[in-house]
Amino acid sequence: DFFPENGWQVVRSDELKYEYHTSPAEFL
């Protein structure tokens, strides 16, 4: 919402999903 509310338009949006290994301890 931020960009349109401030007079900008999203011309293109691409989302890349990816997987990786982490651990709860790394998050902590």
mmCIF file of all heavy atoms, coordinates in Angstrom:
data_MODEL
# 
_entry.id   MODEL 
# 
loop_
_atom_site.group_PDB 
_atom_site.id 
_atom_site.type_symbol 
_atom_site.label_atom_id 
_atom_site.label_alt_id 
_atom_site.label_comp_id 
_atom_site.label_asym_id 
_atom_site.label_entity_id 
_atom_site.label_seq_id 
_atom_site.pdbx_PDB_ins_code 
_atom_site.Cartn_x 
_atom_site.Cartn_y 
_atom_site.Cartn_z 
_atom_site.occupancy 
_atom_site.B_iso_or_equiv 
_atom_site.pdbx_formal_charge 
_atom_site.auth_seq_id 
_atom_site.auth_comp_id 
_atom_site.auth_asym_id 
_atom_site.auth_atom_id 
_atom_site.pdbx_PDB_model_num 
ATOM 1   N N   . ASP A 1 1  ? 0.812  -1.217  0.000   1.00 0.00 ? 1  ASP A N   1 
ATOM 2   C CA  . ASP A 1 1  ? 0.000  0.000   0.000   1.00 0.00 ? 1  ASP A CA  1 
ATOM 3   C C   . ASP A 1 1  ? 0.848  1.270   0.000   1.00 0.00 ? 1  ASP A C   1 
ATOM 4   O O   . ASP A 1 1  ? 0.386  2.317   -0.433  1.00 0.00 ? 1  ASP A O   1 
ATOM 5   C CB  . ASP A 1 1  ? -0.913 0.036   1.234   1.00 0.00 ? 1  ASP A CB  1 
ATOM 6   C CG  . ASP A 1 1  ? -1.872 -1.136  1.275   1.00 0.00 ? 1  ASP A CG  1 
ATOM 7   O OD1 . ASP A 1 1  ? -2.280 -1.605  0.191   1.00 0.00 ? 1  ASP A OD1 1 
ATOM 8   O OD2 . ASP A 1 1  ? -2.196 -1.591  2.384   1.00 0.00 ? 1  ASP A OD2 1 
ATOM 9   N N   . PHE A 1 2  ? 2.061  1.184   0.502   1.00 0.00 ? 2  PHE A N   1 
ATOM 10  C CA  . PHE A 1 2  ? 2.910  2.358   0.685   1.00 0.00 ? 2  PHE A CA  1 
ATOM 11  C C   . PHE A 1 2  ? 3.148  3.126   -0.615  1.00 0.00 ? 2  PHE A C   1 
ATOM 12  O O   . PHE A 1 2  ? 3.000  4.341   -0.666  1.00 0.00 ? 2  PHE A O   1 
ATOM 13  C CB  . PHE A 1 2  ? 4.248  1.941   1.314   1.00 0.00 ? 2  PHE A CB  1 
ATOM 14  C CG  . PHE A 1 2  ? 5.265  3.039   1.385   1.00 0.00 ? 2  PHE A CG  1 
ATOM 15  C CD1 . PHE A 1 2  ? 5.073  4.127   2.233   1.00 0.00 ? 2  PHE A CD1 1 
ATOM 16  C CD2 . PHE A 1 2  ? 6.408  2.987   0.609   1.00 0.00 ? 2  PHE A CD2 1 
ATOM 17  C CE1 . PHE A 1 2  ? 6.014  5.149   2.305   1.00 0.00 ? 2  PHE A CE1 1 
ATOM 18  C CE2 . PHE A 1 2  ? 7.349  3.999   0.678   1.00 0.00 ? 2  PHE A CE2 1 
ATOM 19  C CZ  . PHE A 1 2  ? 7.153  5.082   1.524   1.00 0.00 ? 2  PHE A CZ  1 
ATOM 20  N N   . PHE A 1 3  ? 3.513  2.431   -1.668  1.00 0.00 ? 3  PHE A N   1 
ATOM 21  C CA  . PHE A 1 3  ? 3.855  3.114   -2.916  1.00 0.00 ? 3  PHE A CA  1 
ATOM 22  C C   . PHE A 1 3  ? 2.638  3.769   -3.578  1.00 0.00 ? 3  PHE A C   1 
ATOM 23  O O   . PHE A 1 3  ? 2.686  4.964   -3.889  1.00 0.00 ? 3  PHE A O   1 
ATOM 24  C CB  . PHE A 1 3  ? 4.591  2.163   -3.864  1.00 0.00 ? 3  PHE A CB  1 
ATOM 25  C CG  . PHE A 1 3  ? 5.904  1.715   -3.292  1.00 0.00 ? 3  PHE A CG  1 
ATOM 26  C CD1 . PHE A 1 3  ? 6.077  0.430   -2.824  1.00 0.00 ? 3  PHE A CD1 1 
ATOM 27  C CD2 . PHE A 1 3  ? 6.969  2.593   -3.182  1.00 0.00 ? 3  PHE A CD2 1 
ATOM 28  C CE1 . PHE A 1 3  ? 7.277  0.023   -2.266  1.00 0.00 ? 3  PHE A CE1 1 
ATOM 29  C CE2 . PHE A 1 3  ? 8.185  2.202   -2.639  1.00 0.00 ? 3  PHE A CE2 1 
ATOM 30  C CZ  . PHE A 1 3  ? 8.334  0.910   -2.180  1.00 0.00 ? 3  PHE A CZ  1 
ATOM 31  N N   . PRO A 1 4  ? 1.529  3.055   -3.796  1.00 0.00 ? 4  PRO A N   1 
ATOM 32  C CA  . PRO A 1 4  ? 0.356  3.711   -4.410  1.00 0.00 ? 4  PRO A CA  1 
ATOM 33  C C   . PRO A 1 4  ? -0.167 4.883   -3.571  1.00 0.00 ? 4  PRO A C   1 
ATOM 34  O O   . PRO A 1 4  ? -0.583 5.908   -4.124  1.00 0.00 ? 4  PRO A O   1 
ATOM 35  C CB  . PRO A 1 4  ? -0.682 2.598   -4.493  1.00 0.00 ? 4  PRO A CB  1 
ATOM 36  C CG  . PRO A 1 4  ? 0.083  1.334   -4.448  1.00 0.00 ? 4  PRO A CG  1 
ATOM 37  C CD  . PRO A 1 4  ? 1.307  1.615   -3.636  1.00 0.00 ? 4  PRO A CD  1 
ATOM 38  N N   . GLU A 1 5  ? -0.131 4.752   -2.258  1.00 0.00 ? 5  GLU A N   1 
ATOM 39  C CA  . GLU A 1 5  ? -0.607 5.838   -1.388  1.00 0.00 ? 5  GLU A CA  1 
ATOM 40  C C   . GLU A 1 5  ? 0.239  7.102   -1.523  1.00 0.00 ? 5  GLU A C   1 
ATOM 41  O O   . GLU A 1 5  ? -0.195 8.189   -1.160  1.00 0.00 ? 5  GLU A O   1 
ATOM 42  C CB  . GLU A 1 5  ? -0.608 5.391   0.077   1.00 0.00 ? 5  GLU A CB  1 
ATOM 43  C CG  . GLU A 1 5  ? -1.700 4.395   0.391   1.00 0.00 ? 5  GLU A CG  1 
ATOM 44  C CD  . GLU A 1 5  ? -1.587 3.831   1.797   1.00 0.00 ? 5  GLU A CD  1 
ATOM 45  O OE1 . GLU A 1 5  ? -0.604 4.137   2.519   1.00 0.00 ? 5  GLU A OE1 1 
ATOM 46  O OE2 . GLU A 1 5  ? -2.482 3.053   2.179   1.00 0.00 ? 5  GLU A OE2 1 
ATOM 47  N N   . ASN A 1 6  ? 1.458  6.942   -2.045  1.00 0.00 ? 6  ASN A N   1 
ATOM 48  C CA  . ASN A 1 6  ? 2.372  8.071   -2.173  1.00 0.00 ? 6  ASN A CA  1 
ATOM 49  C C   . ASN A 1 6  ? 2.681  8.418   -3.623  1.00 0.00 ? 6  ASN A C   1 
ATOM 50  O O   . ASN A 1 6  ? 3.710  9.022   -3.927  1.00 0.00 ? 6  ASN A O   1 
ATOM 51  C CB  . ASN A 1 6  ? 3.653  7.781   -1.382  1.00 0.00 ? 6  ASN A CB  1 
ATOM 52  C CG  . ASN A 1 6  ? 3.389  7.803   0.103   1.00 0.00 ? 6  ASN A CG  1 
ATOM 53  O OD1 . ASN A 1 6  ? 3.212  8.870   0.678   1.00 0.00 ? 6  ASN A OD1 1 
ATOM 54  N ND2 . ASN A 1 6  ? 3.307  6.641   0.722   1.00 0.00 ? 6  ASN A ND2 1 
ATOM 55  N N   . GLY A 1 7  ? 1.769  8.040   -4.528  1.00 0.00 ? 7  GLY A N   1 
ATOM 56  C CA  . GLY A 1 7  ? 1.873  8.476   -5.917  1.00 0.00 ? 7  GLY A CA  1 
ATOM 57  C C   . GLY A 1 7  ? 2.795  7.665   -6.795  1.00 0.00 ? 7  GLY A C   1 
ATOM 58  O O   . GLY A 1 7  ? 3.232  8.148   -7.841  1.00 0.00 ? 7  GLY A O   1 
ATOM 59  N N   . TRP A 1 8  ? 3.087  6.450   -6.417  1.00 0.00 ? 8  TRP A N   1 
ATOM 60  C CA  . TRP A 1 8  ? 3.934  5.578   -7.218  1.00 0.00 ? 8  TRP A CA  1 
ATOM 61  C C   . TRP A 1 8  ? 3.130  4.346   -7.615  1.00 0.00 ? 8  TRP A C   1 
ATOM 62  O O   . TRP A 1 8  ? 2.178  3.967   -6.946  1.00 0.00 ? 8  TRP A O   1 
ATOM 63  C CB  . TRP A 1 8  ? 5.162  5.140   -6.419  1.00 0.00 ? 8  TRP A CB  1 
ATOM 64  C CG  . TRP A 1 8  ? 6.140  6.248   -6.164  1.00 0.00 ? 8  TRP A CG  1 
ATOM 65  C CD1 . TRP A 1 8  ? 5.921  7.379   -5.419  1.00 0.00 ? 8  TRP A CD1 1 
ATOM 66  C CD2 . TRP A 1 8  ? 7.462  6.339   -6.646  1.00 0.00 ? 8  TRP A CD2 1 
ATOM 67  N NE1 . TRP A 1 8  ? 7.035  8.162   -5.413  1.00 0.00 ? 8  TRP A NE1 1 
ATOM 68  C CE2 . TRP A 1 8  ? 8.011  7.551   -6.152  1.00 0.00 ? 8  TRP A CE2 1 
ATOM 69  C CE3 . TRP A 1 8  ? 8.265  5.530   -7.439  1.00 0.00 ? 8  TRP A CE3 1 
ATOM 70  C CZ2 . TRP A 1 8  ? 9.306  7.947   -6.432  1.00 0.00 ? 8  TRP A CZ2 1 
ATOM 71  C CZ3 . TRP A 1 8  ? 9.567  5.929   -7.707  1.00 0.00 ? 8  TRP A CZ3 1 
ATOM 72  C CH2 . TRP A 1 8  ? 10.078 7.122   -7.215  1.00 0.00 ? 8  TRP A CH2 1 
ATOM 73  N N   . GLN A 1 9  ? 3.551  3.724   -8.715  1.00 0.00 ? 9  GLN A N   1 
ATOM 74  C CA  . GLN A 1 9  ? 2.885  2.504   -9.154  1.00 0.00 ? 9  GLN A CA  1 
ATOM 75  C C   . GLN A 1 9  ? 3.902  1.376   -9.295  1.00 0.00 ? 9  GLN A C   1 
ATOM 76  O O   . GLN A 1 9  ? 5.036  1.599   -9.723  1.00 0.00 ? 9  GLN A O   1 
ATOM 77  C CB  . GLN A 1 9  ? 2.164  2.719   -10.478 1.00 0.00 ? 9  GLN A CB  1 
ATOM 78  C CG  . GLN A 1 9  ? 3.065  3.130   -11.627 1.00 0.00 ? 9  GLN A CG  1 
ATOM 79  C CD  . GLN A 1 9  ? 2.267  3.486   -12.863 1.00 0.00 ? 9  GLN A CD  1 
ATOM 80  O OE1 . GLN A 1 9  ? 1.074  3.278   -12.925 1.00 0.00 ? 9  GLN A OE1 1 
ATOM 81  N NE2 . GLN A 1 9  ? 2.936  4.053   -13.863 1.00 0.00 ? 9  GLN A NE2 1 
ATOM 82  N N   . VAL A 1 10 ? 3.481  0.197   -8.898  1.00 0.00 ? 10 VAL A N   1 
ATOM 83  C CA  . VAL A 1 10 ? 4.312  -0.984  -9.076  1.00 0.00 ? 10 VAL A CA  1 
ATOM 84  C C   . VAL A 1 10 ? 4.095  -1.465  -10.505 1.00 0.00 ? 10 VAL A C   1 
ATOM 85  O O   . VAL A 1 10 ? 3.000  -1.876  -10.875 1.00 0.00 ? 10 VAL A O   1 
ATOM 86  C CB  . VAL A 1 10 ? 3.959  -2.078  -8.053  1.00 0.00 ? 10 VAL A CB  1 
ATOM 87  C CG1 . VAL A 1 10 ? 4.784  -3.333  -8.304  1.00 0.00 ? 10 VAL A CG1 1 
ATOM 88  C CG2 . VAL A 1 10 ? 4.162  -1.563  -6.631  1.00 0.00 ? 10 VAL A CG2 1 
ATOM 89  N N   . VAL A 1 11 ? 5.145  -1.365  -11.304 1.00 0.00 ? 11 VAL A N   1 
ATOM 90  C CA  . VAL A 1 11 ? 5.074  -1.745  -12.711 1.00 0.00 ? 11 VAL A CA  1 
ATOM 91  C C   . VAL A 1 11 ? 5.230  -3.253  -12.869 1.00 0.00 ? 11 VAL A C   1 
ATOM 92  O O   . VAL A 1 11 ? 4.622  -3.875  -13.731 1.00 0.00 ? 11 VAL A O   1 
ATOM 93  C CB  . VAL A 1 11 ? 6.158  -0.995  -13.529 1.00 0.00 ? 11 VAL A CB  1 
ATOM 94  C CG1 . VAL A 1 11 ? 6.158  -1.420  -14.986 1.00 0.00 ? 11 VAL A CG1 1 
ATOM 95  C CG2 . VAL A 1 11 ? 5.977  0.506   -13.401 1.00 0.00 ? 11 VAL A CG2 1 
ATOM 96  N N   . ARG A 1 12 ? 6.049  -3.823  -12.019 1.00 0.00 ? 12 ARG A N   1 
ATOM 97  C CA  . ARG A 1 12 ? 6.283  -5.262  -12.066 1.00 0.00 ? 12 ARG A CA  1 
ATOM 98  C C   . ARG A 1 12 ? 6.709  -5.728  -10.680 1.00 0.00 ? 12 ARG A C   1 
ATOM 99  O O   . ARG A 1 12 ? 7.426  -5.026  -9.975  1.00 0.00 ? 12 ARG A O   1 
ATOM 100 C CB  . ARG A 1 12 ? 7.370  -5.593  -13.089 1.00 0.00 ? 12 ARG A CB  1 
ATOM 101 C CG  . ARG A 1 12 ? 7.654  -7.065  -13.206 1.00 0.00 ? 12 ARG A CG  1 
ATOM 102 C CD  . ARG A 1 12 ? 8.617  -7.380  -14.299 1.00 0.00 ? 12 ARG A CD  1 
ATOM 103 N NE  . ARG A 1 12 ? 8.905  -8.810  -14.281 1.00 0.00 ? 12 ARG A NE  1 
ATOM 104 C CZ  . ARG A 1 12 ? 9.629  -9.424  -15.177 1.00 0.00 ? 12 ARG A CZ  1 
ATOM 105 N NH1 . ARG A 1 12 ? 10.148 -8.739  -16.169 1.00 0.00 ? 12 ARG A NH1 1 
ATOM 106 N NH2 . ARG A 1 12 ? 9.847  -10.714 -15.089 1.00 0.00 ? 12 ARG A NH2 1 
ATOM 107 N N   . SER A 1 13 ? 6.267  -6.909  -10.321 1.00 0.00 ? 13 SER A N   1 
ATOM 108 C CA  . SER A 1 13 ? 6.659  -7.498  -9.049  1.00 0.00 ? 13 SER A CA  1 
ATOM 109 C C   . SER A 1 13 ? 6.887  -8.988  -9.266  1.00 0.00 ? 13 SER A C   1 
ATOM 110 O O   . SER A 1 13 ? 6.037  -9.676  -9.813  1.00 0.00 ? 13 SER A O   1 
ATOM 111 C CB  . SER A 1 13 ? 5.569  -7.278  -8.001  1.00 0.00 ? 13 SER A CB  1 
ATOM 112 O OG  . SER A 1 13 ? 5.977  -7.760  -6.749  1.00 0.00 ? 13 SER A OG  1 
ATOM 113 N N   . ASP A 1 14 ? 8.058  -9.446  -8.874  1.00 0.00 ? 14 ASP A N   1 
ATOM 114 C CA  . ASP A 1 14 ? 8.380  -10.864 -8.996  1.00 0.00 ? 14 ASP A CA  1 
ATOM 115 C C   . ASP A 1 14 ? 8.811  -11.384 -7.632  1.00 0.00 ? 14 ASP A C   1 
ATOM 116 O O   . ASP A 1 14 ? 9.544  -10.723 -6.900  1.00 0.00 ? 14 ASP A O   1 
ATOM 117 C CB  . ASP A 1 14 ? 9.508  -11.097 -10.001 1.00 0.00 ? 14 ASP A CB  1 
ATOM 118 C CG  . ASP A 1 14 ? 9.074  -10.816 -11.428 1.00 0.00 ? 14 ASP A CG  1 
ATOM 119 O OD1 . ASP A 1 14 ? 8.022  -11.321 -11.839 1.00 0.00 ? 14 ASP A OD1 1 
ATOM 120 O OD2 . ASP A 1 14 ? 9.787  -10.075 -12.128 1.00 0.00 ? 14 ASP A OD2 1 
ATOM 121 N N   . GLU A 1 15 ? 8.338  -12.580 -7.315  1.00 0.00 ? 15 GLU A N   1 
ATOM 122 C CA  . GLU A 1 15 ? 8.669  -13.196 -6.042  1.00 0.00 ? 15 GLU A CA  1 
ATOM 123 C C   . GLU A 1 15 ? 9.418  -14.490 -6.295  1.00 0.00 ? 15 GLU A C   1 
ATOM 124 O O   . GLU A 1 15 ? 8.979  -15.325 -7.084  1.00 0.00 ? 15 GLU A O   1 
ATOM 125 C CB  . GLU A 1 15 ? 7.380  -13.470 -5.271  1.00 0.00 ? 15 GLU A CB  1 
ATOM 126 C CG  . GLU A 1 15 ? 7.600  -13.977 -3.876  1.00 0.00 ? 15 GLU A CG  1 
ATOM 127 C CD  . GLU A 1 15 ? 6.291  -14.144 -3.131  1.00 0.00 ? 15 GLU A CD  1 
ATOM 128 O OE1 . GLU A 1 15 ? 5.865  -13.171 -2.482  1.00 0.00 ? 15 GLU A OE1 1 
ATOM 129 O OE2 . GLU A 1 15 ? 5.708  -15.233 -3.228  1.00 0.00 ? 15 GLU A OE2 1 
ATOM 130 N N   . LEU A 1 16 ? 10.543 -14.617 -5.648  1.00 0.00 ? 16 LEU A N   1 
ATOM 131 C CA  . LEU A 1 16 ? 11.350 -15.825 -5.749  1.00 0.00 ? 16 LEU A CA  1 
ATOM 132 C C   . LEU A 1 16 ? 11.226 -16.582 -4.440  1.00 0.00 ? 16 LEU A C   1 
ATOM 133 O O   . LEU A 1 16 ? 11.510 -16.034 -3.367  1.00 0.00 ? 16 LEU A O   1 
ATOM 134 C CB  . LEU A 1 16 ? 12.818 -15.464 -5.998  1.00 0.00 ? 16 LEU A CB  1 
ATOM 135 C CG  . LEU A 1 16 ? 13.823 -16.604 -5.880  1.00 0.00 ? 16 LEU A CG  1 
ATOM 136 C CD1 . LEU A 1 16 ? 13.618 -17.605 -7.016  1.00 0.00 ? 16 LEU A CD1 1 
ATOM 137 C CD2 . LEU A 1 16 ? 15.240 -16.072 -5.884  1.00 0.00 ? 16 LEU A CD2 1 
ATOM 138 N N   . LYS A 1 17 ? 10.765 -17.808 -4.518  1.00 0.00 ? 17 LYS A N   1 
ATOM 139 C CA  . LYS A 1 17 ? 10.716 -18.663 -3.332  1.00 0.00 ? 17 LYS A CA  1 
ATOM 140 C C   . LYS A 1 17 ? 11.945 -19.560 -3.368  1.00 0.00 ? 17 LYS A C   1 
ATOM 141 O O   . LYS A 1 17 ? 12.337 -20.050 -4.423  1.00 0.00 ? 17 LYS A O   1 
ATOM 142 C CB  . LYS A 1 17 ? 9.454  -19.513 -3.331  1.00 0.00 ? 17 LYS A CB  1 
ATOM 143 C CG  . LYS A 1 17 ? 8.193  -18.712 -3.097  1.00 0.00 ? 17 LYS A CG  1 
ATOM 144 C CD  . LYS A 1 17 ? 6.983  -19.628 -2.962  1.00 0.00 ? 17 LYS A CD  1 
ATOM 145 C CE  . LYS A 1 17 ? 5.722  -18.850 -2.808  1.00 0.00 ? 17 LYS A CE  1 
ATOM 146 N NZ  . LYS A 1 17 ? 5.547  -18.199 -1.558  1.00 0.00 ? 17 LYS A NZ  1 
ATOM 147 N N   . TYR A 1 18 ? 12.545 -19.731 -2.204  1.00 0.00 ? 18 TYR A N   1 
ATOM 148 C CA  . TYR A 1 18 ? 13.716 -20.590 -2.140  1.00 0.00 ? 18 TYR A CA  1 
ATOM 149 C C   . TYR A 1 18 ? 13.739 -21.320 -0.803  1.00 0.00 ? 18 TYR A C   1 
ATOM 150 O O   . TYR A 1 18 ? 13.107 -20.901 0.155   1.00 0.00 ? 18 TYR A O   1 
ATOM 151 C CB  . TYR A 1 18 ? 15.005 -19.791 -2.350  1.00 0.00 ? 18 TYR A CB  1 
ATOM 152 C CG  . TYR A 1 18 ? 15.231 -18.701 -1.322  1.00 0.00 ? 18 TYR A CG  1 
ATOM 153 C CD1 . TYR A 1 18 ? 16.070 -18.913 -0.238  1.00 0.00 ? 18 TYR A CD1 1 
ATOM 154 C CD2 . TYR A 1 18 ? 14.613 -17.456 -1.441  1.00 0.00 ? 18 TYR A CD2 1 
ATOM 155 C CE1 . TYR A 1 18 ? 16.276 -17.922 0.709   1.00 0.00 ? 18 TYR A CE1 1 
ATOM 156 C CE2 . TYR A 1 18 ? 14.820 -16.457 -0.506  1.00 0.00 ? 18 TYR A CE2 1 
ATOM 157 C CZ  . TYR A 1 18 ? 15.647 -16.705 0.567   1.00 0.00 ? 18 TYR A CZ  1 
ATOM 158 O OH  . TYR A 1 18 ? 15.851 -15.722 1.505   1.00 0.00 ? 18 TYR A OH  1 
ATOM 159 N N   . GLU A 1 19 ? 14.455 -22.414 -0.789  1.00 0.00 ? 19 GLU A N   1 
ATOM 160 C CA  . GLU A 1 19 ? 14.568 -23.224 0.422   1.00 0.00 ? 19 GLU A CA  1 
ATOM 161 C C   . GLU A 1 19 ? 16.018 -23.274 0.866   1.00 0.00 ? 19 GLU A C   1 
ATOM 162 O O   . GLU A 1 19 ? 16.933 -23.246 0.036   1.00 0.00 ? 19 GLU A O   1 
ATOM 163 C CB  . GLU A 1 19 ? 14.076 -24.649 0.160   1.00 0.00 ? 19 GLU A CB  1 
ATOM 164 C CG  . GLU A 1 19 ? 12.600 -24.743 -0.131  1.00 0.00 ? 19 GLU A CG  1 
ATOM 165 C CD  . GLU A 1 19 ? 12.152 -26.170 -0.402  1.00 0.00 ? 19 GLU A CD  1 
ATOM 166 O OE1 . GLU A 1 19 ? 12.998 -27.001 -0.810  1.00 0.00 ? 19 GLU A OE1 1 
ATOM 167 O OE2 . GLU A 1 19 ? 10.972 -26.462 -0.200  1.00 0.00 ? 19 GLU A OE2 1 
ATOM 168 N N   . TYR A 1 20 ? 16.206 -23.368 2.146   1.00 0.00 ? 20 TYR A N   1 
ATOM 169 C CA  . TYR A 1 20 ? 17.536 -23.524 2.705   1.00 0.00 ? 20 TYR A CA  1 
ATOM 170 C C   . TYR A 1 20 ? 17.403 -24.164 4.078   1.00 0.00 ? 20 TYR A C   1 
ATOM 171 O O   . TYR A 1 20 ? 16.323 -24.209 4.659   1.00 0.00 ? 20 TYR A O   1 
ATOM 172 C CB  . TYR A 1 20 ? 18.271 -22.187 2.788   1.00 0.00 ? 20 TYR A CB  1 
ATOM 173 C CG  . TYR A 1 20 ? 17.603 -21.185 3.695   1.00 0.00 ? 20 TYR A CG  1 
ATOM 174 C CD1 . TYR A 1 20 ? 18.029 -21.014 4.998   1.00 0.00 ? 20 TYR A CD1 1 
ATOM 175 C CD2 . TYR A 1 20 ? 16.509 -20.440 3.253   1.00 0.00 ? 20 TYR A CD2 1 
ATOM 176 C CE1 . TYR A 1 20 ? 17.397 -20.112 5.831   1.00 0.00 ? 20 TYR A CE1 1 
ATOM 177 C CE2 . TYR A 1 20 ? 15.885 -19.536 4.090   1.00 0.00 ? 20 TYR A CE2 1 
ATOM 178 C CZ  . TYR A 1 20 ? 16.333 -19.377 5.382   1.00 0.00 ? 20 TYR A CZ  1 
ATOM 179 O OH  . TYR A 1 20 ? 15.694 -18.493 6.205   1.00 0.00 ? 20 TYR A OH  1 
ATOM 180 N N   . HIS A 1 21 ? 18.512 -24.655 4.580   1.00 0.00 ? 21 HIS A N   1 
ATOM 181 C CA  . HIS A 1 21 ? 18.509 -25.247 5.914   1.00 0.00 ? 21 HIS A CA  1 
ATOM 182 C C   . HIS A 1 21 ? 18.973 -24.216 6.929   1.00 0.00 ? 21 HIS A C   1 
ATOM 183 O O   . HIS A 1 21 ? 19.943 -23.500 6.719   1.00 0.00 ? 21 HIS A O   1 
ATOM 184 C CB  . HIS A 1 21 ? 19.403 -26.483 5.961   1.00 0.00 ? 21 HIS A CB  1 
ATOM 185 C CG  . HIS A 1 21 ? 18.784 -27.663 5.312   1.00 0.00 ? 21 HIS A CG  1 
ATOM 186 N ND1 . HIS A 1 21 ? 18.960 -27.950 3.981   1.00 0.00 ? 21 HIS A ND1 1 
ATOM 187 C CD2 . HIS A 1 21 ? 17.954 -28.615 5.799   1.00 0.00 ? 21 HIS A CD2 1 
ATOM 188 C CE1 . HIS A 1 21 ? 18.271 -29.043 3.674   1.00 0.00 ? 21 HIS A CE1 1 
ATOM 189 N NE2 . HIS A 1 21 ? 17.652 -29.466 4.759   1.00 0.00 ? 21 HIS A NE2 1 
ATOM 190 N N   . THR A 1 22 ? 18.248 -24.162 8.013   1.00 0.00 ? 22 THR A N   1 
ATOM 191 C CA  . THR A 1 22 ? 18.605 -23.329 9.148   1.00 0.00 ? 22 THR A CA  1 
ATOM 192 C C   . THR A 1 22 ? 18.290 -24.156 10.386  1.00 0.00 ? 22 THR A C   1 
ATOM 193 O O   . THR A 1 22 ? 18.040 -25.354 10.289  1.00 0.00 ? 22 THR A O   1 
ATOM 194 C CB  . THR A 1 22 ? 17.846 -21.987 9.129   1.00 0.00 ? 22 THR A CB  1 
ATOM 195 O OG1 . THR A 1 22 ? 18.350 -21.149 10.167  1.00 0.00 ? 22 THR A OG1 1 
ATOM 196 C CG2 . THR A 1 22 ? 16.361 -22.155 9.259   1.00 0.00 ? 22 THR A CG2 1 
ATOM 197 N N   . SER A 1 23 ? 18.297 -23.520 11.536  1.00 0.00 ? 23 SER A N   1 
ATOM 198 C CA  . SER A 1 23 ? 17.950 -24.245 12.759  1.00 0.00 ? 23 SER A CA  1 
ATOM 199 C C   . SER A 1 23 ? 17.298 -23.275 13.736  1.00 0.00 ? 23 SER A C   1 
ATOM 200 O O   . SER A 1 23 ? 17.503 -22.060 13.655  1.00 0.00 ? 23 SER A O   1 
ATOM 201 C CB  . SER A 1 23 ? 19.197 -24.856 13.390  1.00 0.00 ? 23 SER A CB  1 
ATOM 202 O OG  . SER A 1 23 ? 20.032 -23.828 13.899  1.00 0.00 ? 23 SER A OG  1 
ATOM 203 N N   . PRO A 1 24 ? 16.533 -23.804 14.669  1.00 0.00 ? 24 PRO A N   1 
ATOM 204 C CA  . PRO A 1 24 ? 15.974 -22.944 15.707  1.00 0.00 ? 24 PRO A CA  1 
ATOM 205 C C   . PRO A 1 24 ? 17.064 -22.198 16.477  1.00 0.00 ? 24 PRO A C   1 
ATOM 206 O O   . PRO A 1 24 ? 16.896 -21.038 16.845  1.00 0.00 ? 24 PRO A O   1 
ATOM 207 C CB  . PRO A 1 24 ? 15.214 -23.920 16.607  1.00 0.00 ? 24 PRO A CB  1 
ATOM 208 C CG  . PRO A 1 24 ? 14.854 -25.047 15.690  1.00 0.00 ? 24 PRO A CG  1 
ATOM 209 C CD  . PRO A 1 24 ? 16.029 -25.176 14.755  1.00 0.00 ? 24 PRO A CD  1 
ATOM 210 N N   . ALA A 1 25 ? 18.198 -22.850 16.700  1.00 0.00 ? 25 ALA A N   1 
ATOM 211 C CA  . ALA A 1 25 ? 19.298 -22.200 17.419  1.00 0.00 ? 25 ALA A CA  1 
ATOM 212 C C   . ALA A 1 25 ? 19.835 -21.003 16.637  1.00 0.00 ? 25 ALA A C   1 
ATOM 213 O O   . ALA A 1 25 ? 20.220 -19.985 17.234  1.00 0.00 ? 25 ALA A O   1 
ATOM 214 C CB  . ALA A 1 25 ? 20.420 -23.205 17.682  1.00 0.00 ? 25 ALA A CB  1 
ATOM 215 N N   . GLU A 1 26 ? 19.859 -21.099 15.311  1.00 0.00 ? 26 GLU A N   1 
ATOM 216 C CA  . GLU A 1 26 ? 20.311 -19.968 14.497  1.00 0.00 ? 26 GLU A CA  1 
ATOM 217 C C   . GLU A 1 26 ? 19.345 -18.796 14.634  1.00 0.00 ? 26 GLU A C   1 
ATOM 218 O O   . GLU A 1 26 ? 19.770 -17.641 14.753  1.00 0.00 ? 26 GLU A O   1 
ATOM 219 C CB  . GLU A 1 26 ? 20.440 -20.381 13.030  1.00 0.00 ? 26 GLU A CB  1 
ATOM 220 C CG  . GLU A 1 26 ? 20.928 -19.251 12.145  1.00 0.00 ? 26 GLU A CG  1 
ATOM 221 C CD  . GLU A 1 26 ? 21.010 -19.639 10.683  1.00 0.00 ? 26 GLU A CD  1 
ATOM 222 O OE1 . GLU A 1 26 ? 21.007 -20.844 10.356  1.00 0.00 ? 26 GLU A OE1 1 
ATOM 223 O OE2 . GLU A 1 26 ? 21.072 -18.710 9.850   1.00 0.00 ? 26 GLU A OE2 1 
ATOM 224 N N   . PHE A 1 27 ? 18.053 -19.081 14.619  1.00 0.00 ? 27 PHE A N   1 
ATOM 225 C CA  . PHE A 1 27 ? 17.057 -18.024 14.810  1.00 0.00 ? 27 PHE A CA  1 
ATOM 226 C C   . PHE A 1 27 ? 17.262 -17.367 16.177  1.00 0.00 ? 27 PHE A C   1 
ATOM 227 O O   . PHE A 1 27 ? 17.300 -16.136 16.290  1.00 0.00 ? 27 PHE A O   1 
ATOM 228 C CB  . PHE A 1 27 ? 15.647 -18.618 14.701  1.00 0.00 ? 27 PHE A CB  1 
ATOM 229 C CG  . PHE A 1 27 ? 14.558 -17.597 14.833  1.00 0.00 ? 27 PHE A CG  1 
ATOM 230 C CD1 . PHE A 1 27 ? 14.041 -16.973 13.715  1.00 0.00 ? 27 PHE A CD1 1 
ATOM 231 C CD2 . PHE A 1 27 ? 14.050 -17.255 16.080  1.00 0.00 ? 27 PHE A CD2 1 
ATOM 232 C CE1 . PHE A 1 27 ? 13.028 -16.028 13.827  1.00 0.00 ? 27 PHE A CE1 1 
ATOM 233 C CE2 . PHE A 1 27 ? 13.040 -16.304 16.207  1.00 0.00 ? 27 PHE A CE2 1 
ATOM 234 C CZ  . PHE A 1 27 ? 12.536 -15.687 15.080  1.00 0.00 ? 27 PHE A CZ  1 
ATOM 235 N N   . LEU A 1 28 ? 17.409 -18.178 17.207  1.00 0.00 ? 28 LEU A N   1 
ATOM 236 C CA  . LEU A 1 28 ? 17.622 -17.666 18.554  1.00 0.00 ? 28 LEU A CA  1 
ATOM 237 C C   . LEU A 1 28 ? 18.870 -16.791 18.620  1.00 0.00 ? 28 LEU A C   1 
ATOM 238 O O   . LEU A 1 28 ? 18.849 -15.700 19.197  1.00 0.00 ? 28 LEU A O   1 
ATOM 239 C CB  . LEU A 1 28 ? 17.736 -18.837 19.536  1.00 0.00 ? 28 LEU A CB  1 
ATOM 240 C CG  . LEU A 1 28 ? 18.071 -18.486 20.981  1.00 0.00 ? 28 LEU A CG  1 
ATOM 241 C CD1 . LEU A 1 28 ? 16.984 -17.613 21.594  1.00 0.00 ? 28 LEU A CD1 1 
ATOM 242 C CD2 . LEU A 1 28 ? 18.282 -19.763 21.784  1.00 0.00 ? 28 LEU A CD2 1 
# 
